[in-house]
């Protein structure tokens, strides 16, 4: 089992920055690909970014490319999402997730159903 706990959400003005953290516990969490997803009001949960288990190879949704950066520290089993140039449309609950089997494949998986473990989410609100 893997437990994921997100932190770092909050209220920020448009153009501002936030850094989300996801602390993972569990014996093999450092071998899983990790992803960030978000769910805005009245919307489906969507892929934001993901990083391979080794930390080499990161992937982004087009809507955040160039503004968000995902990284991980396997020694601390923590995954980060640095969010810059935030826009009101980035307002959502942000979830950290772990893909138990995706490391066997090239790249990363982007579907919600491919991820096995989820955190409780952290709210990000961007005011205009």
Foldseek 3Di string as FASTA:
>chain_A
DKAKAKDWADEEAAQAKIKMKIQMDDDCQLQWKKFKWWDDVPGDIWGAKIAHSVQPAIDGDPVQPPFWDWGADSVRRMIMIIGGRDDQVVWTWMKMFTQPPQNVDPHGDIDPVRTDYIYPTDTHGYHD
